[in-house]
Amino acid sequence: MTLYLASTSPRRRELLAQTDIKFSTLDVAVDESLRGKELPTAYVERLAKEKAEAGFKSVQDDEGAIVLAADTIVVLEEDILGKPSDQSQAGQMLRALSGRSHTVMTAFAIKTKEQIRVQRVNTTVFFRSITSKEIDWYWHTGEQQDKAGGYGIQSKGGVFVSAISGSYSAVVGLPLAEVVTALQSLGVFPEPA
């Protein structure tokens, strides 16, 4: 069996590497546009599934291929907060999240020759109140550009987080406990380095 991570995200790579499960990475691209009135839960699960399928297609000649893919979104009420396109949008996102809770949804999909399994993990994240000066400071750190919801909990954006209820690793981008359990059910286990 060969495990492939269908993601170029350095955060997902680092998280999966913590498990001591050997894997290779794949660069896949899928259309991440929302479809009509697609609910956040359906959207994040669909993207994870499509990424796993695209990754599997690229390695389908490998009889023992197992492809893992994931997608993470930030949801405030029913609105999906994507990656900010500019400073103004980044500021709007942080002002909307300030002093409130929101949900981070990470779905992962595991594709083998015989099956595909999709699972979603929801985590509630609580933000303290954020000042305008902090919003400006955070923009200038450069962290926001590639982060759903306009922040990264694992780095400087973590200063805004007062509490979480759920999986920390899912907020970063890959729910490790659930992923390892799912991989073990397929016979994939950590190996000493």
Protein backbone atom coordinates (compact mmCIF):
# COMPACT_ATOMS: atom_id res chain seq x y z
CA MET A 1 0.00 0.00 0.00
CA THR A 2 1.15 3.52 -0.80
CA LEU A 3 -0.39 6.53 0.91
CA TYR A 4 -0.62 9.76 -1.05
CA LEU A 5 -1.61 13.12 0.39
CA ALA A 6 -3.43 15.07 -2.32
CA SER A 7 -2.41 18.46 -1.01
CA THR A 8 0.43 20.95 -1.32
CA SER A 9 -0.51 22.58 2.00
CA PRO A 10 2.59 22.71 4.21
CA ARG A 11 0.34 22.56 7.28
CA ARG A 12 -1.33 19.33 6.18
CA ARG A 13 2.04 17.83 5.27
CA GLU A 14 3.47 18.71 8.70
CA LEU A 15 0.43 17.33 10.52
CA LEU A 16 0.44 14.02 8.65
CA ALA A 17 4.22 13.71 9.14
CA GLN A 18 3.65 13.82 12.92
CA THR A 19 1.94 10.41 12.68
CA ASP A 20 5.06 8.61 11.33
CA ILE A 21 2.89 7.22 8.52
CA LYS A 22 4.93 7.25 5.30
CA PHE A 23 3.34 9.19 2.43
CA SER A 24 4.02 11.04 -0.82
CA THR A 25 2.32 14.25 -1.89
CA LEU A 26 0.28 15.00 -4.99
CA ASP A 27 -0.54 18.40 -6.46
CA VAL A 28 -4.21 18.40 -7.45
CA ALA A 29 -6.48 21.16 -8.64
CA VAL A 30 -10.25 21.21 -8.46
CA ASP A 31 -12.81 23.94 -9.05
CA GLU A 32 -13.59 25.33 -5.59
CA SER A 33 -16.61 27.37 -6.66
CA LEU A 34 -19.80 27.08 -4.62
CA ARG A 35 -22.64 25.39 -6.48
CA GLY A 36 -25.94 27.26 -6.26
CA LYS A 37 -27.29 27.19 -2.72
CA GLU A 38 -24.84 24.53 -1.55
CA LEU A 39 -24.68 24.31 2.24
CA PRO A 40 -21.26 24.65 3.92
CA THR A 41 -21.32 21.00 5.05
CA ALA A 42 -22.03 19.73 1.52
CA TYR A 43 -19.47 22.11 0.02
CA VAL A 44 -16.52 21.11 2.22
CA GLU A 45 -17.31 17.40 1.89
CA ARG A 46 -17.61 17.68 -1.90
CA LEU A 47 -14.25 19.44 -2.21
CA ALA A 48 -12.47 16.83 -0.09
CA LYS A 49 -14.03 14.05 -2.18
CA GLU A 50 -13.18 15.71 -5.50
CA LYS A 51 -9.57 16.29 -4.40
CA ALA A 52 -9.21 12.63 -3.37
CA GLU A 53 -10.71 11.46 -6.67
CA ALA A 54 -8.44 13.77 -8.70
CA GLY A 55 -5.42 12.54 -6.77
CA PHE A 56 -6.41 8.90 -7.22
CA LYS A 57 -6.83 9.40 -10.95
CA SER A 58 -3.19 10.52 -11.18
CA VAL A 59 -1.88 7.38 -9.40
CA GLN A 60 -4.48 4.79 -10.43
CA ASP A 61 -1.77 2.57 -11.97
CA ASP A 62 -0.48 2.00 -8.41
CA GLU A 63 -2.56 -1.03 -7.34
CA GLY A 64 -2.08 -0.28 -3.64
CA ALA A 65 -2.75 3.46 -3.82
CA ILE A 66 -4.61 5.14 -0.98
CA VAL A 67 -5.25 8.85 -1.50
CA LEU A 68 -6.04 11.20 1.36
CA ALA A 69 -7.36 14.71 0.68
CA ALA A 70 -8.91 17.41 2.85
CA ASP A 71 -10.55 20.80 2.72
CA THR A 72 -11.09 23.35 5.48
CA ILE A 73 -13.60 26.17 5.63
CA VAL A 74 -14.53 28.79 8.22
CA VAL A 75 -18.26 29.29 8.75
CA LEU A 76 -19.79 32.26 10.58
CA GLU A 77 -23.50 31.59 11.02
CA GLU A 78 -24.24 30.20 7.52
CA ASP A 79 -21.61 32.24 5.64
CA ILE A 80 -18.41 30.65 4.38
CA LEU A 81 -15.41 32.90 4.95
CA GLY A 82 -12.87 32.04 2.28
CA LYS A 83 -9.34 33.31 1.80
CA PRO A 84 -9.26 37.14 1.81
CA SER A 85 -8.45 38.73 -1.53
CA ASP A 86 -7.13 41.99 -0.09
CA GLN A 87 -6.53 43.97 3.11
CA SER A 88 -10.07 45.35 3.18
CA GLN A 89 -11.66 41.90 2.97
CA ALA A 90 -9.23 40.50 5.55
CA GLY A 91 -10.16 43.29 7.95
CA GLN A 92 -13.89 42.69 7.40
CA MET A 93 -13.44 39.01 8.24
CA LEU A 94 -11.57 39.66 11.49
CA ARG A 95 -14.08 42.33 12.55
CA ALA A 96 -16.91 39.85 11.90
CA LEU A 97 -15.14 37.13 13.95
CA SER A 98 -14.13 39.46 16.80
CA GLY A 99 -15.71 38.64 20.16
CA ARG A 100 -17.73 35.72 18.74
CA SER A 101 -17.56 32.03 18.01
CA HIS A 102 -17.46 30.44 14.59
CA THR A 103 -17.18 26.92 13.20
CA VAL A 104 -14.21 25.50 11.37
CA MET A 105 -15.19 22.52 9.21
CA THR A 106 -12.55 20.18 7.88
CA ALA A 107 -13.63 17.30 5.69
CA PHE A 108 -11.27 14.58 4.60
CA ALA A 109 -11.68 11.87 2.00
CA ILE A 110 -9.79 8.62 1.61
CA LYS A 111 -9.96 6.95 -1.81
CA THR A 112 -8.87 3.43 -2.63
CA LYS A 113 -9.53 1.31 -5.70
CA GLU A 114 -12.61 -0.17 -4.00
CA GLN A 115 -14.12 2.74 -2.07
CA ILE A 116 -14.16 6.36 -1.02
CA ARG A 117 -14.81 7.47 2.53
CA VAL A 118 -15.67 11.07 3.47
CA GLN A 119 -15.78 12.37 7.02
CA ARG A 120 -16.24 15.90 8.40
CA VAL A 121 -15.01 17.28 11.73
CA ASN A 122 -16.49 20.51 13.13
CA THR A 123 -14.66 22.61 15.72
CA THR A 124 -16.02 25.72 17.44
CA VAL A 125 -13.47 28.52 17.76
CA PHE A 126 -13.98 31.46 20.11
CA PHE A 127 -12.32 34.81 19.36
CA ARG A 128 -11.66 37.51 21.92
CA SER A 129 -12.42 41.11 20.92
CA ILE A 130 -9.88 42.40 18.40
CA THR A 131 -8.88 46.05 18.00
CA SER A 132 -8.44 47.87 14.69
CA LYS A 133 -4.74 48.27 15.49
CA GLU A 134 -4.41 44.46 15.86
CA ILE A 135 -6.23 43.94 12.57
CA ASP A 136 -3.74 46.24 10.82
CA TRP A 137 -0.80 44.52 12.56
CA TYR A 138 -2.02 41.10 11.52
CA TRP A 139 -2.39 42.10 7.88
CA HIS A 140 1.23 43.23 7.82
CA THR A 141 2.43 39.85 9.14
CA GLY A 142 1.49 38.43 5.72
CA GLU A 143 -0.22 35.39 7.24
CA GLN A 144 -3.77 36.05 6.09
CA GLN A 145 -3.42 35.70 2.34
CA ASP A 146 -3.76 31.91 2.11
CA LYS A 147 -5.90 31.22 5.17
CA ALA A 148 -9.61 30.40 5.22
CA GLY A 149 -11.36 32.94 7.43
CA GLY A 150 -8.33 35.20 7.22
CA TYR A 151 -6.34 33.75 10.14
CA GLY A 152 -4.06 30.88 11.10
CA ILE A 153 -4.57 29.41 14.58
CA GLN A 154 -1.17 27.69 14.49
CA SER A 155 0.77 30.93 14.11
CA LYS A 156 0.35 34.64 14.91
CA GLY A 157 -3.45 34.46 14.41
CA GLY A 158 -3.62 32.23 17.46
CA VAL A 159 -3.42 35.36 19.64
CA PHE A 160 -7.07 36.08 18.78
CA VAL A 161 -8.33 32.64 19.88
CA SER A 162 -9.61 32.51 23.46
CA ALA A 163 -10.86 28.90 23.36
CA ILE A 164 -11.76 26.01 21.08
CA SER A 165 -14.23 23.17 21.43
CA GLY A 166 -13.18 20.26 19.26
CA SER A 167 -10.12 19.26 17.27
CA TYR A 168 -7.19 21.68 17.14
CA SER A 169 -5.54 19.79 14.27
CA ALA A 170 -8.78 20.01 12.26
CA VAL A 171 -8.65 23.81 12.57
CA VAL A 172 -5.07 23.72 11.26
CA GLY A 173 -6.24 21.57 8.34
CA LEU A 174 -6.26 17.83 9.10
CA PRO A 175 -8.12 16.11 11.97
CA LEU A 176 -5.37 13.70 13.01
CA ALA A 177 -7.28 11.44 15.40
CA GLU A 178 -10.03 10.77 12.86
CA VAL A 179 -7.63 10.43 9.92
CA VAL A 180 -5.36 7.94 11.74
CA THR A 181 -8.38 5.87 12.84
CA ALA A 182 -9.68 5.78 9.25
CA LEU A 183 -6.27 4.83 7.84
CA GLN A 184 -5.80 2.10 10.43
CA SER A 185 -9.13 0.58 9.36
CA LEU A 186 -7.51 0.20 5.91
CA GLY A 187 -4.35 -1.38 7.37
CA VAL A 188 -2.15 1.73 7.31
CA PHE A 189 -0.12 2.17 10.48
CA PRO A 190 2.71 4.42 11.67
CA GLU A 191 6.22 3.10 11.14
CA PRO A 192 9.26 4.08 13.20
CA ALA A 193 11.54 6.45 11.30
